[in-house]
C-alpha atoms as a PDB file:
ATOM      1  CA  MET A   1     -20.714  -9.717  20.975  1.00  0.00           C
ATOM      2  CA  ASN A   2     -23.756 -10.922  22.652  1.00  0.00           C
ATOM      3  CA  ASN A   3     -25.576  -9.795  25.490  1.00  0.00           C
ATOM      4  CA  LYS A   4     -22.315  -7.316  26.484  1.00  0.00           C
ATOM      5  CA  ILE A   5     -21.931  -4.074  28.405  1.00  0.00           C
ATOM      6  CA  VAL A   6     -18.532  -2.816  26.806  1.00  0.00           C
ATOM      7  CA  CYS A   7     -17.027   0.677  28.606  1.00  0.00           C
ATOM      8  CA  ILE A   8     -14.729   2.525  26.337  1.00  0.00           C
ATOM      9  CA  PHE A   9     -12.321   5.000  28.186  1.00  0.00           C
ATOM     10  CA  GLY A  10      -9.520   7.270  27.014  1.00  0.00           C
ATOM     11  CA  LYS A  11      -8.404  10.857  26.361  1.00  0.00           C
ATOM     12  CA  LYS A  12      -9.763  12.834  24.083  1.00  0.00           C
ATOM     13  CA  GLY A  13      -8.271  12.095  20.696  1.00  0.00           C
ATOM     14  CA  THR A  14      -6.906   8.590  21.436  1.00  0.00           C
ATOM     15  CA  GLY A  15      -9.321   6.154  19.291  1.00  0.00           C
ATOM     16  CA  LYS A  16     -12.191   5.898  20.981  1.00  0.00           C
ATOM     17  CA  THR A  17     -14.641   6.682  17.857  1.00  0.00           C
ATOM     18  CA  THR A  18     -12.145   4.992  15.516  1.00  0.00           C
ATOM     19  CA  TYR A  19     -12.615   1.968  17.534  1.00  0.00           C
ATOM     20  CA  ILE A  20     -15.880   2.078  16.908  1.00  0.00           C
ATOM     21  CA  LYS A  21     -15.765   3.393  13.598  1.00  0.00           C
ATOM     22  CA  ASN A  22     -13.338   0.211  12.587  1.00  0.00           C
ATOM     23  CA  ASN A  23     -15.304  -2.747  14.676  1.00  0.00           C
ATOM     24  CA  ILE A  24     -18.939  -1.932  15.104  1.00  0.00           C
ATOM     25  CA  LEU A  25     -20.487  -4.136  12.724  1.00  0.00           C
ATOM     26  CA  ASN A  26     -18.176  -6.864  14.255  1.00  0.00           C
ATOM     27  CA  PHE A  27     -20.332  -6.149  17.685  1.00  0.00           C
ATOM     28  CA  SER A  28     -23.504  -7.266  16.685  1.00  0.00           C
ATOM     29  CA  GLU A  29     -24.313 -10.752  15.508  1.00  0.00           C
ATOM     30  CA  TYR A  30     -27.696  -9.285  14.277  1.00  0.00           C
ATOM     31  CA  LYS A  31     -26.169  -6.492  13.049  1.00  0.00           C
ATOM     32  CA  ARG A  32     -29.185  -3.993  14.234  1.00  0.00           C
ATOM     33  CA  ILE A  33     -27.130  -0.939  15.475  1.00  0.00           C
ATOM     34  CA  LEU A  34     -28.349   1.927  16.880  1.00  0.00           C
ATOM     35  CA  ILE A  35     -25.852   4.811  18.047  1.00  0.00           C
ATOM     36  CA  ILE A  36     -27.029   7.623  20.280  1.00  0.00           C
ATOM     37  CA  ASP A  37     -24.338  10.195  18.568  1.00  0.00           C
ATOM     38  CA  ILE A  38     -24.410  13.794  20.270  1.00  0.00           C
ATOM     39  CA  LEU A  39     -21.813  14.830  18.064  1.00  0.00           C
ATOM     40  CA  ASP A  40     -22.741  13.787  14.609  1.00  0.00           C
ATOM     41  CA  GLU A  41     -19.536  12.297  14.244  1.00  0.00           C
ATOM     42  CA  TYR A  42     -20.539   9.201  12.396  1.00  0.00           C
ATOM     43  CA  THR A  43     -21.369   8.820   8.633  1.00  0.00           C
ATOM     44  CA  ILE A  44     -23.906   6.045   8.956  1.00  0.00           C
ATOM     45  CA  LEU A  45     -27.674   7.231   8.292  1.00  0.00           C
ATOM     46  CA  LYS A  46     -28.985   9.595  10.612  1.00  0.00           C
ATOM     47  CA  ILE A  47     -32.717   9.650  11.647  1.00  0.00           C
ATOM     48  CA  ASN A  48     -33.979  13.246  11.883  1.00  0.00           C
ATOM     49  CA  LYS A  49     -36.811  12.777  13.582  1.00  0.00           C
ATOM     50  CA  ILE A  50     -37.281  10.470  16.949  1.00  0.00           C
ATOM     51  CA  TYR A  51     -40.582   8.719  15.043  1.00  0.00           C
ATOM     52  CA  GLU A  52     -38.871   7.508  12.493  1.00  0.00           C
ATOM     53  CA  ILE A  53     -36.920   5.154  14.855  1.00  0.00           C
ATOM     54  CA  ASN A  54     -40.053   2.638  14.329  1.00  0.00           C
ATOM     55  CA  LYS A  55     -39.451   1.827  10.810  1.00  0.00           C
ATOM     56  CA  PHE A  56     -35.825   0.739  10.884  1.00  0.00           C
ATOM     57  CA  ILE A  57     -35.857  -1.221  14.642  1.00  0.00           C
ATOM     58  CA  LYS A  58     -38.720  -3.619  12.747  1.00  0.00           C
ATOM     59  CA  ASN A  59     -36.002  -3.944   9.525  1.00  0.00           C
ATOM     60  CA  TYR A  60     -33.834  -6.934  10.379  1.00  0.00           C
ATOM     61  CA  ASP A  61     -30.498  -4.936   9.574  1.00  0.00           C
ATOM     62  CA  PHE A  62     -29.841  -1.647  10.226  1.00  0.00           C
ATOM     63  CA  SER A  63     -27.054   0.582  10.916  1.00  0.00           C
ATOM     64  CA  ILE A  64     -28.352   4.057  12.044  1.00  0.00           C
ATOM     65  CA  ARG A  65     -27.953   7.199  13.973  1.00  0.00           C
ATOM     66  CA  ILE A  66     -29.631   9.507  16.074  1.00  0.00           C
ATOM     67  CA  ILE A  67     -29.129  13.160  17.861  1.00  0.00           C
ATOM     68  CA  PRO A  68     -31.439  13.746  20.678  1.00  0.00           C
ATOM     69  CA  GLU A  69     -32.816  17.244  20.752  1.00  0.00           C
ATOM     70  CA  ASN A  70     -33.784  17.216  24.276  1.00  0.00           C
ATOM     71  CA  GLU A  71     -34.135  15.220  27.465  1.00  0.00           C
ATOM     72  CA  GLU A  72     -37.667  14.305  26.598  1.00  0.00           C
ATOM     73  CA  GLU A  73     -36.179  12.747  23.066  1.00  0.00           C
ATOM     74  CA  TYR A  74     -33.367  10.993  25.074  1.00  0.00           C
ATOM     75  CA  ASN A  75     -35.566   9.371  27.772  1.00  0.00           C
ATOM     76  CA  PHE A  76     -38.025   7.987  24.768  1.00  0.00           C
ATOM     77  CA  ILE A  77     -34.995   6.556  22.771  1.00  0.00           C
ATOM     78  CA  CYS A  78     -34.024   4.442  25.785  1.00  0.00           C
ATOM     79  CA  GLU A  79     -37.456   3.364  26.406  1.00  0.00           C
ATOM     80  CA  TYR A  80     -37.671   2.041  22.964  1.00  0.00           C
ATOM     81  CA  ILE A  81     -34.647   0.587  23.338  1.00  0.00           C
ATOM     82  CA  PHE A  82     -35.029  -1.497  26.275  1.00  0.00           C
ATOM     83  CA  ASN A  83     -38.914  -2.569  24.470  1.00  0.00           C
ATOM     84  CA  THR A  84     -36.804  -3.687  21.658  1.00  0.00           C
ATOM     85  CA  GLU A  85     -34.510  -6.991  21.384  1.00  0.00           C
ATOM     86  CA  ASN A  86     -31.530  -8.146  19.081  1.00  0.00           C
ATOM     87  CA  ILE A  87     -30.011  -4.673  18.894  1.00  0.00           C
ATOM     88  CA  THR A  88     -26.571  -3.154  19.622  1.00  0.00           C
ATOM     89  CA  VAL A  89     -26.379   0.445  21.120  1.00  0.00           C
ATOM     90  CA  VAL A  90     -23.627   2.583  21.275  1.00  0.00           C
ATOM     91  CA  PHE A  91     -23.944   5.811  23.812  1.00  0.00           C
ATOM     92  CA  GLU A  92     -21.006   7.858  22.539  1.00  0.00           C
ATOM     93  CA  GLU A  93     -20.068  10.894  25.222  1.00  0.00           C
ATOM     94  CA  ALA A  94     -22.168   8.703  27.329  1.00  0.00           C
ATOM     95  CA  ALA A  95     -21.339  11.165  30.239  1.00  0.00           C
ATOM     96  CA  PHE A  96     -23.433  13.961  28.534  1.00  0.00           C
ATOM     97  CA  TYR A  97     -26.588  11.692  29.046  1.00  0.00           C
ATOM     98  CA  PRO A  98     -28.660  11.159  32.286  1.00  0.00           C
ATOM     99  CA  VAL A  99     -29.058   7.921  33.860  1.00  0.00           C
ATOM    100  CA  ASN A 100     -32.997   7.204  33.621  1.00  0.00           C
ATOM    101  CA  GLU A 101     -34.698   4.481  34.954  1.00  0.00           C
ATOM    102  CA  TYR A 102     -34.411   2.951  31.081  1.00  0.00           C
ATOM    103  CA  ILE A 103     -30.792   3.029  31.054  1.00  0.00           C
ATOM    104  CA  LEU A 104     -30.717   1.357  34.641  1.00  0.00           C
ATOM    105  CA  LYS A 105     -33.228  -1.556  33.141  1.00  0.00           C
ATOM    106  CA  LEU A 106     -30.719  -1.688  30.155  1.00  0.00           C
ATOM    107  CA  VAL A 107     -27.698  -2.530  32.422  1.00  0.00           C
ATOM    108  CA  ARG A 108     -29.550  -5.135  34.547  1.00  0.00           C
ATOM    109  CA  PHE A 109     -31.600  -6.472  32.610  1.00  0.00           C
ATOM    110  CA  GLY A 110     -30.585  -6.002  28.541  1.00  0.00           C
ATOM    111  CA  ARG A 111     -29.019  -9.530  28.816  1.00  0.00           C
ATOM    112  CA  HIS A 112     -32.287 -10.888  28.333  1.00  0.00           C
ATOM    113  CA  LYS A 113     -33.324  -8.983  25.320  1.00  0.00           C
ATOM    114  CA  LYS A 114     -30.274  -9.386  23.538  1.00  0.00           C
ATOM    115  CA  ILE A 115     -29.271  -5.601  24.192  1.00  0.00           C
ATOM    116  CA  ASN A 116     -25.423  -4.849  23.723  1.00  0.00           C
ATOM    117  CA  GLN A 117     -24.623  -1.961  25.008  1.00  0.00           C
ATOM    118  CA  ILE A 118     -21.525   0.068  24.658  1.00  0.00           C
ATOM    119  CA  TYR A 119     -20.747   3.267  26.601  1.00  0.00           C
ATOM    120  CA  ILE A 120     -18.090   5.526  25.380  1.00  0.00           C
ATOM    121  CA  THR A 121     -16.597   8.658  27.467  1.00  0.00           C
ATOM    122  CA  GLN A 122     -13.488   9.986  28.479  1.00  0.00           C
ATOM    123  CA  ARG A 123     -13.355   9.222  32.041  1.00  0.00           C
ATOM    124  CA  PRO A 124     -14.840   6.243  34.190  1.00  0.00           C
ATOM    125  CA  TYR A 125     -15.989   8.435  36.863  1.00  0.00           C
ATOM    126  CA  ASP A 126     -18.451  10.486  34.502  1.00  0.00           C
ATOM    127  CA  ILE A 127     -20.478   7.644  34.040  1.00  0.00           C
ATOM    128  CA  ASN A 128     -23.137   5.750  36.457  1.00  0.00           C
ATOM    129  CA  ARG A 129     -21.016   3.552  38.696  1.00  0.00           C
ATOM    130  CA  ASN A 130     -24.137   0.673  37.912  1.00  0.00           C
ATOM    131  CA  ILE A 131     -22.579   0.727  34.111  1.00  0.00           C
ATOM    132  CA  THR A 132     -19.449   0.202  35.280  1.00  0.00           C
ATOM    133  CA  ALA A 133     -19.764  -2.540  37.803  1.00  0.00           C
ATOM    134  CA  MET A 134     -21.985  -4.631  35.350  1.00  0.00           C
ATOM    135  CA  ALA A 135     -19.812  -4.113  32.415  1.00  0.00           C
ATOM    136  CA  ASP A 136     -18.071  -7.523  30.589  1.00  0.00           C
ATOM    137  CA  GLU A 137     -15.767  -5.609  28.891  1.00  0.00           C
ATOM    138  CA  PHE A 138     -13.260  -2.758  29.157  1.00  0.00           C
ATOM    139  CA  ILE A 139     -11.280  -0.752  26.456  1.00  0.00           C
ATOM    140  CA  ILE A 140      -9.266   1.860  27.756  1.00  0.00           C
ATOM    141  CA  PHE A 141      -7.098   4.061  25.566  1.00  0.00           C
ATOM    142  CA  ASN A 142      -4.290   6.526  27.073  1.00  0.00           C
ATOM    143  CA  THR A 143      -4.920   8.321  30.035  1.00  0.00           C
ATOM    144  CA  THR A 144      -2.592  10.161  32.777  1.00  0.00           C
ATOM    145  CA  GLU A 145      -5.433  11.463  35.165  1.00  0.00           C
ATOM    146  CA  PRO A 146      -4.707  10.363  38.555  1.00  0.00           C
ATOM    147  CA  ARG A 147      -8.347   9.628  39.591  1.00  0.00           C
ATOM    148  CA  ASP A 148      -8.969   7.442  36.674  1.00  0.00           C
ATOM    149  CA  LEU A 149      -5.689   5.501  37.126  1.00  0.00           C
ATOM    150  CA  ASP A 150      -7.135   4.892  40.717  1.00  0.00           C
ATOM    151  CA  PHE A 151     -10.461   3.346  38.985  1.00  0.00           C
ATOM    152  CA  PHE A 152      -8.297   1.233  37.298  1.00  0.00           C
ATOM    153  CA  LYS A 153      -6.114   0.097  39.957  1.00  0.00           C
ATOM    154  CA  LYS A 154      -9.463  -1.381  41.411  1.00  0.00           C
ATOM    155  CA  ILE A 155      -9.911  -3.878  38.623  1.00  0.00           C
ATOM    156  CA  LEU A 156      -6.746  -4.034  36.672  1.00  0.00           C
ATOM    157  CA  PRO A 157      -3.217  -5.819  37.609  1.00  0.00           C
ATOM    158  CA  PRO A 158      -0.535  -2.961  38.595  1.00  0.00           C
ATOM    159  CA  ILE A 159       1.149  -3.812  35.242  1.00  0.00           C
ATOM    160  CA  ALA A 160      -1.683  -2.772  33.491  1.00  0.00           C
ATOM    161  CA  VAL A 161      -2.465   0.324  34.841  1.00  0.00           C
ATOM    162  CA  GLU A 162       1.171   1.608  34.248  1.00  0.00           C
ATOM    163  CA  LYS A 163       0.961   0.276  30.484  1.00  0.00           C
ATOM    164  CA  ILE A 164      -2.415   2.516  30.280  1.00  0.00           C
ATOM    165  CA  LYS A 165      -0.464   5.873  30.999  1.00  0.00           C
ATOM    166  CA  THR A 166       2.357   5.161  28.162  1.00  0.00           C
ATOM    167  CA  LEU A 167      -0.263   3.959  25.346  1.00  0.00           C
ATOM    168  CA  PRO A 168       0.522   5.764  22.112  1.00  0.00           C
ATOM    169  CA  LYS A 169      -2.765   7.443  20.138  1.00  0.00           C
ATOM    170  CA  TYR A 170      -4.781   4.444  18.556  1.00  0.00           C
ATOM    171  CA  HIS A 171      -3.511   1.840  21.349  1.00  0.00           C
ATOM    172  CA  TYR A 172      -5.915   0.270  23.807  1.00  0.00           C
ATOM    173  CA  LEU A 173      -5.909  -2.245  26.588  1.00  0.00           C
ATOM    174  CA  LYS A 174      -8.830  -4.444  26.255  1.00  0.00           C
ATOM    175  CA  TYR A 175      -9.838  -5.953  29.332  1.00  0.00           C
ATOM    176  CA  SER A 176     -12.208  -8.692  30.349  1.00  0.00           C
ATOM    177  CA  PRO A 177     -12.458 -10.319  33.764  1.00  0.00           C
ATOM    178  CA  SER A 178     -12.816 -13.718  32.487  1.00  0.00           C
ATOM    179  CA  ILE A 179      -9.854 -13.358  30.370  1.00  0.00           C
ATOM    180  CA  GLY A 180      -7.506 -10.840  31.337  1.00  0.00           C
ATOM    181  CA  TYR A 181      -6.050  -7.979  29.693  1.00  0.00           C
ATOM    182  CA  LYS A 182      -3.907  -7.512  26.096  1.00  0.00           C
ATOM    183  CA  ILE A 183      -2.660  -4.100  24.098  1.00  0.00           C
ATOM    184  CA  ASN A 184      -3.929  -3.776  20.720  1.00  0.00           C
ATOM    185  CA  LYS A 185      -3.886  -1.219  18.094  1.00  0.00           C
ATOM    186  CA  LEU A 186      -6.499   0.035  15.892  1.00  0.00           C
END
């Protein structure tokens, strides 16, 4: 993955976090990965103090996670990410986070700094439309919510939307406007 925005959607327990755990090292040719992990679900090195981010970002290779304690820390992290380069950032439970000026800058200009972005949430309408509009790729796990299916009807062929409704656990539809869609299994 190079300078991409990826959105991952699906009902709880369908495999979204497992997808990241199984594939995260393939997402960045630079092996520089930061996960904003509010649910403390990942086992990679956890940063406990916000200022510790500096010592890792300076390294070439790292996989770290951070749990922002409040909106101020979250804003600091977003600003810091925007001011770095060659990094893959995973926003786990993206609907939880406010869309600040740095998220909007990341979405619009992150490609110039080789910043890959992965936004994970259960429902597509839960995250800012700027993110989904600029997404290069969608990873979609099972969902049957009518409003979510309406969202997918706007971007996917009708047969693909039907497949989303019946995907078994740990199966997903991978869609890219330039390539089309494919069903995969974790």
